[in-house]
Every structure is written in structure tokens, then in C-alpha cells.
N, C-alpha and C. Protein backbone atom coordinates (compact mmCIF):
# COMPACT_ATOMS: atom_id res chain seq x y z
N MET A 1 -11.96 7.84 12.35
CA MET A 1 -12.89 7.20 11.45
C MET A 1 -14.25 7.88 11.56
N GLY A 2 -14.89 7.98 10.46
CA GLY A 2 -16.18 8.66 10.43
C GLY A 2 -17.33 7.72 10.74
N SER A 3 -18.49 8.27 10.68
CA SER A 3 -19.69 7.47 10.89
C SER A 3 -19.99 6.66 9.63
N VAL A 4 -20.91 5.73 9.75
CA VAL A 4 -21.27 4.89 8.60
C VAL A 4 -21.86 5.78 7.51
N GLY A 5 -21.33 5.67 6.31
CA GLY A 5 -21.81 6.47 5.20
C GLY A 5 -21.22 7.86 5.15
N GLY A 6 -20.35 8.19 6.09
CA GLY A 6 -19.74 9.52 6.11
C GLY A 6 -18.68 9.66 5.03
N SER A 7 -18.27 10.87 4.80
CA SER A 7 -17.31 11.12 3.72
C SER A 7 -15.89 10.71 4.08
N TYR A 8 -15.60 10.46 5.36
CA TYR A 8 -14.25 10.10 5.78
C TYR A 8 -14.07 8.60 6.04
N ASP A 9 -15.03 7.78 5.66
CA ASP A 9 -14.96 6.34 5.93
C ASP A 9 -13.70 5.71 5.35
N ASN A 10 -13.41 5.95 4.09
CA ASN A 10 -12.30 5.29 3.42
C ASN A 10 -11.10 6.20 3.19
N ALA A 11 -11.10 7.37 3.78
CA ALA A 11 -10.02 8.33 3.53
C ALA A 11 -8.66 7.79 3.96
N LEU A 12 -8.60 7.09 5.07
CA LEU A 12 -7.33 6.56 5.56
C LEU A 12 -6.75 5.52 4.61
N MET A 13 -7.56 4.57 4.17
CA MET A 13 -7.09 3.53 3.27
C MET A 13 -6.77 4.08 1.88
N GLU A 14 -7.57 5.02 1.40
CA GLU A 14 -7.29 5.63 0.10
C GLU A 14 -5.97 6.36 0.14
N ASN A 15 -5.69 7.05 1.23
CA ASN A 15 -4.42 7.75 1.38
C ASN A 15 -3.26 6.76 1.46
N PHE A 16 -3.46 5.66 2.20
CA PHE A 16 -2.41 4.65 2.36
C PHE A 16 -2.05 4.01 1.02
N PHE A 17 -3.05 3.63 0.23
CA PHE A 17 -2.80 2.91 -1.01
C PHE A 17 -2.40 3.82 -2.17
N SER A 18 -2.59 5.12 -2.05
CA SER A 18 -2.23 6.01 -3.16
C SER A 18 -0.71 6.07 -3.36
N THR A 19 0.06 6.03 -2.28
CA THR A 19 1.51 6.11 -2.41
C THR A 19 2.10 4.87 -3.08
N PRO A 20 1.80 3.64 -2.63
CA PRO A 20 2.35 2.47 -3.33
C PRO A 20 1.90 2.39 -4.79
N LYS A 21 0.66 2.78 -5.06
CA LYS A 21 0.20 2.74 -6.44
C LYS A 21 1.02 3.67 -7.31
N THR A 22 1.24 4.89 -6.81
CA THR A 22 1.98 5.88 -7.59
C THR A 22 3.45 5.51 -7.74
N GLU A 23 4.09 5.09 -6.65
CA GLU A 23 5.52 4.86 -6.66
C GLU A 23 5.93 3.47 -7.15
N LEU A 24 5.07 2.48 -7.04
CA LEU A 24 5.47 1.11 -7.36
C LEU A 24 4.64 0.50 -8.48
N VAL A 25 3.35 0.47 -8.32
CA VAL A 25 2.49 -0.28 -9.23
C VAL A 25 2.46 0.33 -10.63
N TYR A 26 2.29 1.64 -10.73
CA TYR A 26 2.16 2.28 -12.04
C TYR A 26 3.50 2.41 -12.77
N ARG A 27 4.62 2.24 -12.09
CA ARG A 27 5.94 2.42 -12.71
C ARG A 27 6.63 1.11 -13.07
N THR A 28 6.06 -0.03 -12.71
CA THR A 28 6.74 -1.31 -12.87
C THR A 28 5.81 -2.34 -13.49
N THR A 29 6.38 -3.25 -14.27
CA THR A 29 5.64 -4.40 -14.76
C THR A 29 6.35 -5.66 -14.29
N TRP A 30 5.57 -6.69 -14.00
CA TRP A 30 6.12 -7.95 -13.54
C TRP A 30 5.67 -9.07 -14.46
N ARG A 31 6.45 -10.15 -14.50
CA ARG A 31 6.14 -11.29 -15.36
C ARG A 31 5.03 -12.16 -14.80
N SER A 32 4.84 -12.13 -13.48
CA SER A 32 3.78 -12.93 -12.89
C SER A 32 3.14 -12.16 -11.73
N ARG A 33 1.97 -12.62 -11.36
CA ARG A 33 1.27 -11.99 -10.24
C ARG A 33 2.04 -12.19 -8.94
N ASP A 34 2.67 -13.35 -8.78
CA ASP A 34 3.42 -13.62 -7.56
C ASP A 34 4.57 -12.64 -7.38
N LEU A 35 5.28 -12.33 -8.45
CA LEU A 35 6.38 -11.36 -8.36
C LEU A 35 5.85 -9.98 -7.98
N GLY A 36 4.70 -9.61 -8.52
CA GLY A 36 4.10 -8.33 -8.18
C GLY A 36 3.65 -8.27 -6.72
N GLU A 37 3.06 -9.36 -6.25
CA GLU A 37 2.63 -9.40 -4.86
C GLU A 37 3.82 -9.34 -3.91
N ASN A 38 4.90 -10.04 -4.25
CA ASN A 38 6.10 -10.00 -3.41
C ASN A 38 6.72 -8.61 -3.39
N ALA A 39 6.73 -7.93 -4.53
CA ALA A 39 7.28 -6.57 -4.58
C ALA A 39 6.43 -5.62 -3.74
N LEU A 40 5.13 -5.77 -3.81
CA LEU A 40 4.25 -4.92 -3.01
C LEU A 40 4.43 -5.19 -1.52
N PHE A 41 4.55 -6.46 -1.14
CA PHE A 41 4.79 -6.81 0.26
C PHE A 41 6.12 -6.22 0.74
N ALA A 42 7.16 -6.33 -0.07
CA ALA A 42 8.48 -5.79 0.32
C ALA A 42 8.42 -4.28 0.45
N TYR A 43 7.65 -3.61 -0.41
CA TYR A 43 7.51 -2.16 -0.35
C TYR A 43 6.83 -1.74 0.95
N ILE A 44 5.73 -2.40 1.28
CA ILE A 44 4.99 -2.05 2.49
C ILE A 44 5.80 -2.43 3.73
N ASP A 45 6.43 -3.58 3.72
CA ASP A 45 7.22 -4.04 4.85
C ASP A 45 8.43 -3.14 5.10
N GLY A 46 8.92 -2.50 4.05
CA GLY A 46 10.07 -1.61 4.19
C GLY A 46 9.78 -0.34 4.96
N TRP A 47 8.50 0.01 5.09
CA TRP A 47 8.13 1.24 5.80
C TRP A 47 8.10 1.06 7.30
N TYR A 48 8.04 -0.19 7.77
CA TYR A 48 7.91 -0.44 9.19
C TYR A 48 9.20 -0.99 9.76
N ASN A 49 9.54 -0.58 10.96
CA ASN A 49 10.72 -1.05 11.65
C ASN A 49 10.41 -2.40 12.27
N SER A 50 11.03 -3.45 11.74
CA SER A 50 10.73 -4.79 12.24
C SER A 50 11.55 -5.17 13.46
N GLN A 51 12.55 -4.38 13.82
CA GLN A 51 13.37 -4.66 15.00
C GLN A 51 13.23 -3.53 16.01
N ARG A 52 13.03 -3.89 17.24
CA ARG A 52 12.91 -2.91 18.32
C ARG A 52 14.30 -2.52 18.83
N ILE A 53 14.39 -1.32 19.34
CA ILE A 53 15.67 -0.85 19.88
C ILE A 53 15.95 -1.56 21.19
């Protein structure tokens, strides 16, 4: 993380959110906000291993 006001302050979050926006949000439409939020949660949750070996 950079210093306050530095050019790298938001680089990590911008990089993180660019993939879901490109692969999920811009390619899909939902009938309600709740369905969209659930799809986004499932997309992000799918990247992490929820069970330990």
C-alpha cells in the first residue's frame, strides 16, 4: 500500500474489482438488485477455498 495521496492507494482494489465487472456485471442482467448481489457474492466466494485440507 502506498502513502496517503500516492498513486498506488487504490490500485489493489481497482485490480480486484475489474475482473468481476468485466466477467460478470457487464455481461449479465438481473431482474432485481438482490439477484445481482447474490450472483456477485457467489462469484467472489467461488474464488476462495472454504474448506481446509
